[in-house]
Structure formats: C-alpha cells, structure tokens
Amino acid sequence: MCQRATGGIFASLAGGKPENFAWTRGTPTFFASSSLAKRAFCPKCGTPLSFKYDTPEARMYTTIGSLDEPERVELVKQYGIESRLSWVKFCEDVSAERTAESAQAQEFLAGMRSHQKRD
C-alpha cells in the first residue's frame, strides 16, 4: 500500500507520537487509504506527507523527504520488507520486519480493507 500511496518503490517514513509533531506550513488534506488508516498529502502539489492508523495510541509516520530537516532522521528499522523489490539493495545493516509478524498485528490488520483501487 505504501508503494501505491507514494508512487515510489518504498516509503521512507519517520514515526513518533502525534503530539510531538506539528505542521509548519499549511494544512494537509487526508485520504482514508484503508478502513484502518489515513494518509495526509499537500492539497496544492500532492506531496505525500504522513500515515496514521485510526487508533488513539497509534504513532504517526511522516514522509522523511517532506521534513524540513530530513538529514536529522536516524534510520532504525525497515518495515514491510515482504514487498521489497528484488533489486533494491541499501541499508542492509538496519534491522527489518515483515508486516504483521506478531499475532497482535495480524489480528489488527485482519479486517483491513484497502481503498486504493486497482482498476
């Protein structure tokens, strides 16, 4: 879903608590990319800005390239590696995790319905 939402071969996201985040310019528009999450994007240029599950305790994930200072982000984990394209080779020393590896994640994602249609 991240590949389709960003139009890229992967989504570079930095996560944190929503209360520690602030929009610095303008107000984004939101798209419910699935029955469980919303993605923010710039209504003027279409730049993908963030992703957040619709749960109170969920972390917010922001596209690293849209940050004012993307160099300050420390890469700590690759998530969703089951969708990695075979020819993508970088950050091999960073820990990695498949989507829904835990039983809790599997249960949460079981009811997800994508709103990103393939016509």
PDB file of N, CA and C in Angstrom:
ATOM      1  N   MET A   1       0.818  -1.198   0.000  1.00  0.00           N
ATOM      2  CA  MET A   1       0.000   0.000   0.000  1.00  0.00           C
ATOM      3  C   MET A   1       0.859   1.258   0.000  1.00  0.00           C
ATOM      4  N   CYS A   2       1.999   1.219   0.700  1.00  0.00           N
ATOM      5  CA  CYS A   2       2.875   2.398   0.734  1.00  0.00           C
ATOM      6  C   CYS A   2       3.435   2.706  -0.648  1.00  0.00           C
ATOM      7  N   GLN A   3       3.749   1.666  -1.413  1.00  0.00           N
ATOM      8  CA  GLN A   3       4.262   1.884  -2.769  1.00  0.00           C
ATOM      9  C   GLN A   3       3.217   2.605  -3.611  1.00  0.00           C
ATOM     10  N   ARG A   4       1.984   2.187  -3.531  1.00  0.00           N
ATOM     11  CA  ARG A   4       0.918   2.840  -4.307  1.00  0.00           C
ATOM     12  C   ARG A   4       0.653   4.251  -3.798  1.00  0.00           C
ATOM     13  N   ALA A   5       0.670   4.440  -2.478  1.00  0.00           N
ATOM     14  CA  ALA A   5       0.359   5.756  -1.910  1.00  0.00           C
ATOM     15  C   ALA A   5       1.417   6.811  -2.226  1.00  0.00           C
ATOM     16  N   THR A   6       2.677   6.377  -2.304  1.00  0.00           N
ATOM     17  CA  THR A   6       3.745   7.347  -2.550  1.00  0.00           C
ATOM     18  C   THR A   6       4.182   7.388  -4.011  1.00  0.00           C
ATOM     19  N   GLY A   7       3.833   6.350  -4.764  1.00  0.00           N
ATOM     20  CA  GLY A   7       4.288   6.270  -6.147  1.00  0.00           C
ATOM     21  C   GLY A   7       5.754   5.893  -6.243  1.00  0.00           C
ATOM     22  N   GLY A   8       6.327   5.497  -5.116  1.00  0.00           N
ATOM     23  CA  GLY A   8       7.738   5.117  -5.069  1.00  0.00           C
ATOM     24  C   GLY A   8       7.901   3.633  -4.830  1.00  0.00           C
ATOM     25  N   ILE A   9       9.130   3.175  -4.881  1.00  0.00           N
ATOM     26  CA  ILE A   9       9.385   1.752  -4.668  1.00  0.00           C
ATOM     27  C   ILE A   9       9.358   1.380  -3.188  1.00  0.00           C
ATOM     28  N   PHE A  10       9.362   2.382  -2.322  1.00  0.00           N
ATOM     29  CA  PHE A  10       9.164   2.202  -0.890  1.00  0.00           C
ATOM     30  C   PHE A  10       8.800   3.554  -0.305  1.00  0.00           C
ATOM     31  N   ALA A  11       8.328   3.547   0.922  1.00  0.00           N
ATOM     32  CA  ALA A  11       8.007   4.794   1.617  1.00  0.00           C
ATOM     33  C   ALA A  11       9.035   4.992   2.724  1.00  0.00           C
ATOM     34  N   SER A  12       9.711   6.119   2.696  1.00  0.00           N
ATOM     35  CA  SER A  12      10.647   6.463   3.777  1.00  0.00           C
ATOM     36  C   SER A  12       9.871   7.258   4.808  1.00  0.00           C
ATOM     37  N   LEU A  13       9.635   6.638   5.959  1.00  0.00           N
ATOM     38  CA  LEU A  13       8.791   7.237   6.992  1.00  0.00           C
ATOM     39  C   LEU A  13       9.526   7.354   8.315  1.00  0.00           C
ATOM     40  N   ALA A  14       9.272   8.431   9.035  1.00  0.00           N
ATOM     41  CA  ALA A  14       9.779   8.626  10.393  1.00  0.00           C
ATOM     42  C   ALA A  14       8.566   8.655  11.307  1.00  0.00           C
ATOM     43  N   GLY A  15       8.603   7.837  12.368  1.00  0.00           N
ATOM     44  CA  GLY A  15       7.450   7.733  13.251  1.00  0.00           C
ATOM     45  C   GLY A  15       7.661   8.360  14.604  1.00  0.00           C
ATOM     46  N   GLY A  16       6.568   8.732  15.218  1.00  0.00           N
ATOM     47  CA  GLY A  16       6.607   9.297  16.555  1.00  0.00           C
ATOM     48  C   GLY A  16       5.198   9.528  17.071  1.00  0.00           C
ATOM     49  N   LYS A  17       5.115  10.016  18.291  1.00  0.00           N
ATOM     50  CA  LYS A  17       3.818  10.322  18.881  1.00  0.00           C
ATOM     51  C   LYS A  17       3.230  11.547  18.184  1.00  0.00           C
ATOM     52  N   PRO A  18       1.947  11.499  17.831  1.00  0.00           N
ATOM     53  CA  PRO A  18       1.330  12.629  17.134  1.00  0.00           C
ATOM     54  C   PRO A  18       1.459  13.955  17.881  1.00  0.00           C
ATOM     55  N   GLU A  19       1.450  13.906  19.212  1.00  0.00           N
ATOM     56  CA  GLU A  19       1.558  15.155  19.979  1.00  0.00           C
ATOM     57  C   GLU A  19       2.943  15.791  19.889  1.00  0.00           C
ATOM     58  N   ASN A  20       3.920  15.063  19.387  1.00  0.00           N
ATOM     59  CA  ASN A  20       5.268  15.606  19.208  1.00  0.00           C
ATOM     60  C   ASN A  20       5.503  16.101  17.786  1.00  0.00           C
ATOM     61  N   PHE A  21       4.446  16.230  17.025  1.00  0.00           N
ATOM     62  CA  PHE A  21       4.534  16.606  15.626  1.00  0.00           C
ATOM     63  C   PHE A  21       3.689  17.849  15.371  1.00  0.00           C
ATOM     64  N   ALA A  22       4.129  18.698  14.444  1.00  0.00           N
ATOM     65  CA  ALA A  22       3.343  19.885  14.074  1.00  0.00           C
ATOM     66  C   ALA A  22       3.525  20.178  12.595  1.00  0.00           C
ATOM     67  N   TRP A  23       2.437  20.544  11.935  1.00  0.00           N
ATOM     68  CA  TRP A  23       2.537  21.012  10.556  1.00  0.00           C
ATOM     69  C   TRP A  23       3.103  22.422  10.605  1.00  0.00           C
ATOM     70  N   THR A  24       4.108  22.717   9.815  1.00  0.00           N
ATOM     71  CA  THR A  24       4.752  24.035   9.868  1.00  0.00           C
ATOM     72  C   THR A  24       4.252  24.982   8.789  1.00  0.00           C
ATOM     73  N   ARG A  25       3.692  24.459   7.726  1.00  0.00           N
ATOM     74  CA  ARG A  25       3.167  25.303   6.651  1.00  0.00           C
ATOM     75  C   ARG A  25       1.906  24.676   6.087  1.00  0.00           C
ATOM     76  N   GLY A  26       0.821  25.404   6.140  1.00  0.00           N
ATOM     77  CA  GLY A  26      -0.427  24.943   5.550  1.00  0.00           C
ATOM     78  C   GLY A  26      -1.097  23.821   6.318  1.00  0.00           C
ATOM     79  N   THR A  27      -2.189  23.343   5.747  1.00  0.00           N
ATOM     80  CA  THR A  27      -2.966  22.263   6.335  1.00  0.00           C
ATOM     81  C   THR A  27      -3.117  21.171   5.291  1.00  0.00           C
ATOM     82  N   PRO A  28      -2.760  19.945   5.637  1.00  0.00           N
ATOM     83  CA  PRO A  28      -2.857  18.868   4.647  1.00  0.00           C
ATOM     84  C   PRO A  28      -4.298  18.429   4.416  1.00  0.00           C
ATOM     85  N   THR A  29      -4.474  17.684   3.354  1.00  0.00           N
ATOM     86  CA  THR A  29      -5.731  17.007   3.064  1.00  0.00           C
ATOM     87  C   THR A  29      -5.503  15.537   3.399  1.00  0.00           C
ATOM     88  N   PHE A  30      -6.552  14.870   3.856  1.00  0.00           N
ATOM     89  CA  PHE A  30      -6.415  13.470   4.270  1.00  0.00           C
ATOM     90  C   PHE A  30      -7.209  12.549   3.357  1.00  0.00           C
ATOM     91  N   PHE A  31      -6.650  11.364   3.134  1.00  0.00           N
ATOM     92  CA  PHE A  31      -7.277  10.315   2.340  1.00  0.00           C
ATOM     93  C   PHE A  31      -7.289   9.043   3.176  1.00  0.00           C
ATOM     94  N   ALA A  32      -8.460   8.430   3.331  1.00  0.00           N
ATOM     95  CA  ALA A  32      -8.549   7.159   4.047  1.00  0.00           C
ATOM     96  C   ALA A  32      -8.099   6.066   3.078  1.00  0.00           C
ATOM     97  N   SER A  33      -6.813   5.713   3.143  1.00  0.00           N
ATOM     98  CA  SER A  33      -6.256   4.734   2.212  1.00  0.00           C
ATOM     99  C   SER A  33      -6.728   3.314   2.506  1.00  0.00           C
ATOM    100  N   SER A  34      -7.264   3.109   3.691  1.00  0.00           N
ATOM    101  CA  SER A  34      -7.842   1.819   4.049  1.00  0.00           C
ATOM    102  C   SER A  34      -8.895   2.049   5.121  1.00  0.00           C
ATOM    103  N   SER A  35      -9.532   0.976   5.537  1.00  0.00           N
ATOM    104  CA  SER A  35     -10.530   1.073   6.601  1.00  0.00           C
ATOM    105  C   SER A  35      -9.887   1.312   7.962  1.00  0.00           C
ATOM    106  N   LEU A  36      -8.537   1.258   8.036  1.00  0.00           N
ATOM    107  CA  LEU A  36      -7.834   1.403   9.314  1.00  0.00           C
ATOM    108  C   LEU A  36      -6.927   2.629   9.408  1.00  0.00           C
ATOM    109  N   ALA A  37      -6.686   3.338   8.302  1.00  0.00           N
ATOM    110  CA  ALA A  37      -5.672   4.399   8.341  1.00  0.00           C
ATOM    111  C   ALA A  37      -5.993   5.540   7.387  1.00  0.00           C
ATOM    112  N   LYS A  38      -5.370   6.683   7.695  1.00  0.00           N
ATOM    113  CA  LYS A  38      -5.465   7.856   6.827  1.00  0.00           C
ATOM    114  C   LYS A  38      -4.064   8.314   6.448  1.00  0.00           C
ATOM    115  N   ARG A  39      -3.967   8.871   5.257  1.00  0.00           N
ATOM    116  CA  ARG A  39      -2.712   9.435   4.763  1.00  0.00           C
ATOM    117  C   ARG A  39      -2.950  10.901   4.463  1.00  0.00           C
ATOM    118  N   ALA A  40      -1.964  11.729   4.834  1.00  0.00           N
ATOM    119  CA  ALA A  40      -2.057  13.165   4.560  1.00  0.00           C
ATOM    120  C   ALA A  40      -1.226  13.482   3.327  1.00  0.00           C
ATOM    121  N   PHE A  41      -1.693  14.470   2.568  1.00  0.00           N
ATOM    122  CA  PHE A  41      -0.945  14.941   1.412  1.00  0.00           C
ATOM    123  C   PHE A  41      -1.180  16.432   1.233  1.00  0.00           C
ATOM    124  N   CYS A  42      -0.270  17.094   0.536  1.00  0.00           N
ATOM    125  CA  CYS A  42      -0.397  18.529   0.284  1.00  0.00           C
ATOM    126  C   CYS A  42      -1.484  18.744  -0.764  1.00  0.00           C
ATOM    127  N   PRO A  43      -2.508  19.554  -0.438  1.00  0.00           N
ATOM    128  CA  PRO A  43      -3.583  19.768  -1.407  1.00  0.00           C
ATOM    129  C   PRO A  43      -3.147  20.631  -2.601  1.00  0.00           C
ATOM    130  N   LYS A  44      -2.016  21.319  -2.474  1.00  0.00           N
ATOM    131  CA  LYS A  44      -1.543  22.177  -3.569  1.00  0.00           C
ATOM    132  C   LYS A  44      -0.676  21.434  -4.575  1.00  0.00           C
ATOM    133  N   CYS A  45       0.205  20.542  -4.085  1.00  0.00           N
ATOM    134  CA  CYS A  45       1.141  19.879  -5.000  1.00  0.00           C
ATOM    135  C   CYS A  45       1.022  18.358  -5.004  1.00  0.00           C
ATOM    136  N   GLY A  46       0.279  17.780  -4.046  1.00  0.00           N
ATOM    137  CA  GLY A  46       0.080  16.347  -3.999  1.00  0.00           C
ATOM    138  C   GLY A  46       1.146  15.553  -3.262  1.00  0.00           C
ATOM    139  N   THR A  47       2.152  16.221  -2.693  1.00  0.00           N
ATOM    140  CA  THR A  47       3.221  15.512  -1.986  1.00  0.00           C
ATOM    141  C   THR A  47       2.651  14.667  -0.846  1.00  0.00           C
ATOM    142  N   PRO A  48       2.971  13.367  -0.793  1.00  0.00           N
ATOM    143  CA  PRO A  48       2.564  12.539   0.339  1.00  0.00           C
ATOM    144  C   PRO A  48       3.265  13.033   1.610  1.00  0.00           C
ATOM    145  N   LEU A  49       2.526  13.184   2.705  1.00  0.00           N
ATOM    146  CA  LEU A  49       3.088  13.755   3.927  1.00  0.00           C
ATOM    147  C   LEU A  49       3.100  12.824   5.134  1.00  0.00           C
ATOM    148  N   SER A  50       2.062  12.034   5.329  1.00  0.00           N
ATOM    149  CA  SER A  50       2.046  11.211   6.540  1.00  0.00           C
ATOM    150  C   SER A  50       1.090  10.041   6.418  1.00  0.00           C
ATOM    151  N   PHE A  51       1.186   9.165   7.433  1.00  0.00           N
ATOM    152  CA  PHE A  51       0.363   7.974   7.542  1.00  0.00           C
ATOM    153  C   PHE A  51       0.086   7.739   9.020  1.00  0.00           C
ATOM    154  N   LYS A  52      -1.169   7.390   9.365  1.00  0.00           N
ATOM    155  CA  LYS A  52      -1.502   7.090  10.755  1.00  0.00           C
ATOM    156  C   LYS A  52      -2.709   6.162  10.806  1.00  0.00           C
ATOM    157  N   TYR A  53      -2.557   5.089  11.606  1.00  0.00           N
ATOM    158  CA  TYR A  53      -3.704   4.223  11.849  1.00  0.00           C
ATOM    159  C   TYR A  53      -4.728   4.985  12.672  1.00  0.00           C
ATOM    160  N   ASP A  54      -6.009   4.617  12.543  1.00  0.00           N
ATOM    161  CA  ASP A  54      -7.098   5.288  13.243  1.00  0.00           C
ATOM    162  C   ASP A  54      -7.315   4.709  14.641  1.00  0.00           C
ATOM    163  N   THR A  55      -6.279   4.711  15.444  1.00  0.00           N
ATOM    164  CA  THR A  55      -6.392   4.273  16.830  1.00  0.00           C
ATOM    165  C   THR A  55      -5.747   5.350  17.708  1.00  0.00           C
ATOM    166  N   PRO A  56      -6.273   5.554  18.898  1.00  0.00           N
ATOM    167  CA  PRO A  56      -5.747   6.624  19.756  1.00  0.00           C
ATOM    168  C   PRO A  56      -4.261   6.482  20.095  1.00  0.00           C
ATOM    169  N   GLU A  57      -3.778   5.259  20.269  1.00  0.00           N
ATOM    170  CA  GLU A  57      -2.387   5.055  20.680  1.00  0.00           C
ATOM    171  C   GLU A  57      -1.417   4.959  19.504  1.00  0.00           C
ATOM    172  N   ALA A  58      -1.917   5.071  18.281  1.00  0.00           N
ATOM    173  CA  ALA A  58      -1.068   4.885  17.091  1.00  0.00           C
ATOM    174  C   ALA A  58      -0.040   5.992  16.936  1.00  0.00           C
ATOM    175  N   ARG A  59       1.135   5.574  16.485  1.00  0.00           N
ATOM    176  CA  ARG A  59       2.171   6.529  16.122  1.00  0.00           C
ATOM    177  C   ARG A  59       1.812   7.149  14.786  1.00  0.00           C
ATOM    178  N   MET A  60       2.356   8.329  14.535  1.00  0.00           N
ATOM    179  CA  MET A  60       2.175   8.994  13.251  1.00  0.00           C
ATOM    180  C   MET A  60       3.469   8.816  12.472  1.00  0.00           C
ATOM    181  N   TYR A  61       3.365   8.535  11.204  1.00  0.00           N
ATOM    182  CA  TYR A  61       4.537   8.346  10.353  1.00  0.00           C
ATOM    183  C   TYR A  61       4.537   9.418   9.274  1.00  0.00           C
ATOM    184  N   THR A  62       5.629  10.123   9.183  1.00  0.00           N
ATOM    185  CA  THR A  62       5.769  11.229   8.242  1.00  0.00           C
ATOM    186  C   THR A  62       6.776  10.874   7.165  1.00  0.00           C
ATOM    187  N   THR A  63       6.499  11.271   5.933  1.00  0.00           N
ATOM    188  CA  THR A  63       7.454  11.012   4.857  1.00  0.00           C
ATOM    189  C   THR A  63       8.719  11.818   5.129  1.00  0.00           C
ATOM    190  N   ILE A  64       9.841  11.131   5.170  1.00  0.00           N
ATOM    191  CA  ILE A  64      11.115  11.761   5.532  1.00  0.00           C
ATOM    192  C   ILE A  64      11.481  12.871   4.559  1.00  0.00           C
ATOM    193  N   GLY A  65      11.250  12.660   3.283  1.00  0.00           N
ATOM    194  CA  GLY A  65      11.595  13.666   2.288  1.00  0.00           C
ATOM    195  C   GLY A  65      10.801  14.953   2.399  1.00  0.00           C
ATOM    196  N   SER A  66       9.674  14.932   3.102  1.00  0.00           N
ATOM    197  CA  SER A  66       8.866  16.148   3.259  1.00  0.00           C
ATOM    198  C   SER A  66       9.241  16.939   4.513  1.00  0.00           C
ATOM    199  N   LEU A  67      10.132  16.404   5.343  1.00  0.00           N
ATOM    200  CA  LEU A  67      10.534  17.102   6.565  1.00  0.00           C
ATOM    201  C   LEU A  67      11.438  18.295   6.250  1.00  0.00           C
ATOM    202  N   ASP A  68      11.415  19.284   7.121  1.00  0.00           N
ATOM    203  CA  ASP A  68      12.280  20.454   6.949  1.00  0.00           C
ATOM    204  C   ASP A  68      13.753  20.075   7.017  1.00  0.00           C
ATOM    205  N   GLU A  69      14.094  19.094   7.872  1.00  0.00           N
ATOM    206  CA  GLU A  69      15.485  18.659   8.021  1.00  0.00           C
ATOM    207  C   GLU A  69      15.556  17.124   7.976  1.00  0.00           C
ATOM    208  N   PRO A  70      15.395  16.523   6.789  1.00  0.00           N
ATOM    209  CA  PRO A  70      15.377  15.067   6.703  1.00  0.00           C
ATOM    210  C   PRO A  70      16.684  14.402   7.145  1.00  0.00           C
ATOM    211  N   GLU A  71      17.794  15.100   7.085  1.00  0.00           N
ATOM    212  CA  GLU A  71      19.093  14.531   7.483  1.00  0.00           C
ATOM    213  C   GLU A  71      19.121  14.180   8.974  1.00  0.00           C
ATOM    214  N   ARG A  72      18.263  14.817   9.769  1.00  0.00           N
ATOM    215  CA  ARG A  72      18.249  14.567  11.209  1.00  0.00           C
ATOM    216  C   ARG A  72      17.592  13.241  11.596  1.00  0.00           C
ATOM    217  N   VAL A  73      16.918  12.593  10.661  1.00  0.00           N
ATOM    218  CA  VAL A  73      16.241  11.327  10.949  1.00  0.00           C
ATOM    219  C   VAL A  73      17.263  10.201  11.036  1.00  0.00           C
ATOM    220  N   GLU A  74      17.143   9.396  12.083  1.00  0.00           N
ATOM    221  CA  GLU A  74      18.006   8.223  12.253  1.00  0.00           C
ATOM    222  C   GLU A  74      17.219   6.985  11.829  1.00  0.00           C
ATOM    223  N   LEU A  75      17.731   6.261  10.871  1.00  0.00           N
ATOM    224  CA  LEU A  75      17.076   5.056  10.393  1.00  0.00           C
ATOM    225  C   LEU A  75      17.309   3.923  11.391  1.00  0.00           C
ATOM    226  N   VAL A  76      16.215   3.362  11.944  1.00  0.00           N
ATOM    227  CA  VAL A  76      16.353   2.310  12.952  1.00  0.00           C
ATOM    228  C   VAL A  76      15.697   0.995  12.556  1.00  0.00           C
ATOM    229  N   LYS A  77      14.754   1.011  11.615  1.00  0.00           N
ATOM    230  CA  LYS A  77      14.094  -0.234  11.224  1.00  0.00           C
ATOM    231  C   LYS A  77      13.493  -0.095   9.833  1.00  0.00           C
ATOM    232  N   GLN A  78      13.549  -1.194   9.101  1.00  0.00           N
ATOM    233  CA  GLN A  78      12.843  -1.294   7.829  1.00  0.00           C
ATOM    234  C   GLN A  78      11.609  -2.146   8.095  1.00  0.00           C
ATOM    235  N   TYR A  79      10.462  -1.658   7.698  1.00  0.00           N
ATOM    236  CA  TYR A  79       9.216  -2.354   7.979  1.00  0.00           C
ATOM    237  C   TYR A  79       8.526  -2.693   6.655  1.00  0.00           C
ATOM    238  N   GLY A  80       7.898  -3.837   6.596  1.00  0.00           N
ATOM    239  CA  GLY A  80       7.174  -4.238   5.399  1.00  0.00           C
ATOM    240  C   GLY A  80       8.086  -4.782   4.316  1.00  0.00           C
ATOM    241  N   ILE A  81       9.142  -5.464   4.730  1.00  0.00           N
ATOM    242  CA  ILE A  81      10.155  -5.904   3.764  1.00  0.00           C
ATOM    243  C   ILE A  81       9.669  -7.005   2.822  1.00  0.00           C
ATOM    244  N   GLU A  82       8.497  -7.578   3.102  1.00  0.00           N
ATOM    245  CA  GLU A  82       7.979  -8.596   2.191  1.00  0.00           C
ATOM    246  C   GLU A  82       7.634  -8.008   0.818  1.00  0.00           C
ATOM    247  N   SER A  83       7.485  -6.695   0.743  1.00  0.00           N
ATOM    248  CA  SER A  83       7.170  -6.033  -0.525  1.00  0.00           C
ATOM    249  C   SER A  83       8.400  -5.415  -1.182  1.00  0.00           C
ATOM    250  N   ARG A  84       9.567  -5.637  -0.579  1.00  0.00           N
ATOM    251  CA  ARG A  84      10.796  -5.070  -1.140  1.00  0.00           C
ATOM    252  C   ARG A  84      11.044  -5.653  -2.528  1.00  0.00           C
ATOM    253  N   LEU A  85      11.382  -4.798  -3.461  1.00  0.00           N
ATOM    254  CA  LEU A  85      11.715  -5.260  -4.807  1.00  0.00           C
ATOM    255  C   LEU A  85      13.085  -5.916  -4.786  1.00  0.00           C
ATOM    256  N   SER A  86      13.243  -6.955  -5.566  1.00  0.00           N
ATOM    257  CA  SER A  86      14.466  -7.762  -5.516  1.00  0.00           C
ATOM    258  C   SER A  86      15.731  -6.968  -5.797  1.00  0.00           C
ATOM    259  N   TRP A  87      15.655  -5.910  -6.588  1.00  0.00           N
ATOM    260  CA  TRP A  87      16.842  -5.150  -6.961  1.00  0.00           C
ATOM    261  C   TRP A  87      17.127  -3.964  -6.047  1.00  0.00           C
ATOM    262  N   VAL A  88      16.317  -3.769  -5.005  1.00  0.00           N
ATOM    263  CA  VAL A  88      16.566  -2.690  -4.040  1.00  0.00           C
ATOM    264  C   VAL A  88      17.575  -3.193  -3.014  1.00  0.00           C
ATOM    265  N   LYS A  89      18.760  -2.606  -3.023  1.00  0.00           N
ATOM    266  CA  LYS A  89      19.840  -3.009  -2.115  1.00  0.00           C
ATOM    267  C   LYS A  89      20.420  -1.767  -1.443  1.00  0.00           C
ATOM    268  N   PHE A  90      20.069  -1.553  -0.197  1.00  0.00           N
ATOM    269  CA  PHE A  90      20.642  -0.488   0.616  1.00  0.00           C
ATOM    270  C   PHE A  90      20.204  -0.694   2.056  1.00  0.00           C
ATOM    271  N   CYS A  91      20.881  -0.083   2.968  1.00  0.00           N
ATOM    272  CA  CYS A  91      20.566  -0.169   4.399  1.00  0.00           C
ATOM    273  C   CYS A  91      20.512  -1.620   4.874  1.00  0.00           C
ATOM    274  N   GLU A  92      21.393  -2.445   4.354  1.00  0.00           N
ATOM    275  CA  GLU A  92      21.390  -3.865   4.694  1.00  0.00           C
ATOM    276  C   GLU A  92      21.705  -4.124   6.165  1.00  0.00           C
ATOM    277  N   ASP A  93      22.341  -3.173   6.848  1.00  0.00           N
ATOM    278  CA  ASP A  93      22.696  -3.356   8.253  1.00  0.00           C
ATOM    279  C   ASP A  93      21.613  -2.859   9.223  1.00  0.00           C
ATOM    280  N   VAL A  94      20.485  -2.388   8.693  1.00  0.00           N
ATOM    281  CA  VAL A  94      19.383  -1.885   9.523  1.00  0.00           C
ATOM    282  C   VAL A  94      18.409  -3.031   9.776  1.00  0.00           C
ATOM    283  N   SER A  95      17.944  -3.177  11.013  1.00  0.00           N
ATOM    284  CA  SER A  95      17.012  -4.260  11.324  1.00  0.00           C
ATOM    285  C   SER A  95      15.764  -4.153  10.449  1.00  0.00           C
ATOM    286  N   ALA A  96      15.138  -5.297  10.219  1.00  0.00           N
ATOM    287  CA  ALA A  96      13.995  -5.342   9.312  1.00  0.00           C
ATOM    288  C   ALA A  96      12.878  -6.190   9.903  1.00  0.00           C
ATOM    289  N   GLU A  97      11.655  -5.892   9.488  1.00  0.00           N
ATOM    290  CA  GLU A  97      10.490  -6.616   9.994  1.00  0.00           C
ATOM    291  C   GLU A  97       9.451  -6.751   8.886  1.00  0.00           C
ATOM    292  N   ARG A  98       8.842  -7.913   8.830  1.00  0.00           N
ATOM    293  CA  ARG A  98       7.744  -8.128   7.890  1.00  0.00           C
ATOM    294  C   ARG A  98       6.448  -7.583   8.499  1.00  0.00           C
ATOM    295  N   THR A  99       5.532  -7.154   7.658  1.00  0.00           N
ATOM    296  CA  THR A  99       4.236  -6.679   8.120  1.00  0.00           C
ATOM    297  C   THR A  99       3.494  -7.818   8.805  1.00  0.00           C
ATOM    298  N   ALA A 100       2.883  -7.532   9.919  1.00  0.00           N
ATOM    299  CA  ALA A 100       2.054  -8.485  10.662  1.00  0.00           C
ATOM    300  C   ALA A 100       2.820  -9.720  11.121  1.00  0.00           C
ATOM    301  N   GLU A 101       4.042  -9.531  11.596  1.00  0.00           N
ATOM    302  CA  GLU A 101       4.798 -10.667  12.148  1.00  0.00           C
ATOM    303  C   GLU A 101       4.205 -11.141  13.469  1.00  0.00           C
ATOM    304  N   SER A 102       3.695 -10.227  14.257  1.00  0.00           N
ATOM    305  CA  SER A 102       3.152 -10.615  15.559  1.00  0.00           C
ATOM    306  C   SER A 102       1.676 -10.988  15.441  1.00  0.00           C
ATOM    307  N   ALA A 103       1.208 -11.794  16.373  1.00  0.00           N
ATOM    308  CA  ALA A 103      -0.205 -12.190  16.392  1.00  0.00           C
ATOM    309  C   ALA A 103      -1.098 -10.966  16.587  1.00  0.00           C
ATOM    310  N   GLN A 104      -0.641 -10.003  17.405  1.00  0.00           N
ATOM    311  CA  GLN A 104      -1.413  -8.783  17.653  1.00  0.00           C
ATOM    312  C   GLN A 104      -1.576  -7.983  16.356  1.00  0.00           C
ATOM    313  N   ALA A 105      -0.516  -7.843  15.594  1.00  0.00           N
ATOM    314  CA  ALA A 105      -0.578  -7.117  14.323  1.00  0.00           C
ATOM    315  C   ALA A 105      -1.465  -7.855  13.325  1.00  0.00           C
ATOM    316  N   GLN A 106      -1.376  -9.172  13.295  1.00  0.00           N
ATOM    317  CA  GLN A 106      -2.210  -9.961  12.388  1.00  0.00           C
ATOM    318  C   GLN A 106      -3.690  -9.757  12.698  1.00  0.00           C
ATOM    319  N   GLU A 107      -4.014  -9.750  13.982  1.00  0.00           N
ATOM    320  CA  GLU A 107      -5.400  -9.552  14.397  1.00  0.00           C
ATOM    321  C   GLU A 107      -5.889  -8.161  13.989  1.00  0.00           C
ATOM    322  N   PHE A 108      -5.063  -7.141  14.231  1.00  0.00           N
ATOM    323  CA  PHE A 108      -5.441  -5.764  13.897  1.00  0.00           C
ATOM    324  C   PHE A 108      -5.658  -5.606  12.396  1.00  0.00           C
ATOM    325  N   LEU A 109      -4.758  -6.145  11.592  1.00  0.00           N
ATOM    326  CA  LEU A 109      -4.809  -5.954  10.146  1.00  0.00           C
ATOM    327  C   LEU A 109      -5.787  -6.885   9.432  1.00  0.00           C
ATOM    328  N   ALA A 110      -6.299  -7.891  10.128  1.00  0.00           N
ATOM    329  CA  ALA A 110      -7.189  -8.882   9.503  1.00  0.00           C
ATOM    330  C   ALA A 110      -8.429  -8.243   8.878  1.00  0.00           C
ATOM    331  N   GLY A 111      -8.957  -7.216   9.501  1.00  0.00           N
ATOM    332  CA  GLY A 111     -10.178  -6.589   8.988  1.00  0.00           C
ATOM    333  C   GLY A 111      -9.941  -5.428   8.041  1.00  0.00           C
ATOM    334  N   MET A 112      -8.694  -5.179   7.674  1.00  0.00           N
ATOM    335  CA  MET A 112      -8.380  -4.025   6.828  1.00  0.00           C
ATOM    336  C   MET A 112      -8.915  -4.209   5.414  1.00  0.00           C
ATOM    337  N   ARG A 113      -9.510  -3.153   4.904  1.00  0.00           N
ATOM    338  CA  ARG A 113      -9.969  -3.114   3.517  1.00  0.00           C
ATOM    339  C   ARG A 113      -9.297  -1.918   2.845  1.00  0.00           C
ATOM    340  N   SER A 114      -8.582  -2.185   1.766  1.00  0.00           N
ATOM    341  CA  SER A 114      -7.888  -1.120   1.047  1.00  0.00           C
ATOM    342  C   SER A 114      -8.869  -0.266   0.272  1.00  0.00           C
ATOM    343  N   HIS A 115      -8.613   1.034   0.238  1.00  0.00           N
ATOM    344  CA  HIS A 115      -9.384   1.978  -0.569  1.00  0.00           C
ATOM    345  C   HIS A 115      -8.554   2.440  -1.761  1.00  0.00           C
ATOM    346  N   GLN A 116      -7.411   1.828  -1.956  1.00  0.00           N
ATOM    347  CA  GLN A 116      -6.534   2.140  -3.091  1.00  0.00           C
ATOM    348  C   GLN A 116      -6.864   1.138  -4.190  1.00  0.00           C
ATOM    349  N   LYS A 117      -7.778   1.500  -5.026  1.00  0.00           N
ATOM    350  CA  LYS A 117      -8.321   0.586  -6.034  1.00  0.00           C
ATOM    351  C   LYS A 117      -7.354   0.364  -7.186  1.00  0.00           C
ATOM    352  N   ARG A 118      -7.352  -0.846  -7.669  1.00  0.00           N
ATOM    353  CA  ARG A 118      -6.620  -1.206  -8.894  1.00  0.00           C
ATOM    354  C   ARG A 118      -7.647  -1.427  -9.983  1.00  0.00           C
ATOM    355  N   ASP A 119      -7.806  -0.453 -10.849  1.00  0.00           N
ATOM    356  CA  ASP A 119      -8.803  -0.576 -11.935  1.00  0.00           C
ATOM    357  C   ASP A 119      -8.168  -1.091 -13.204  1.00  0.00           C
TER     358      ASP A 119
END
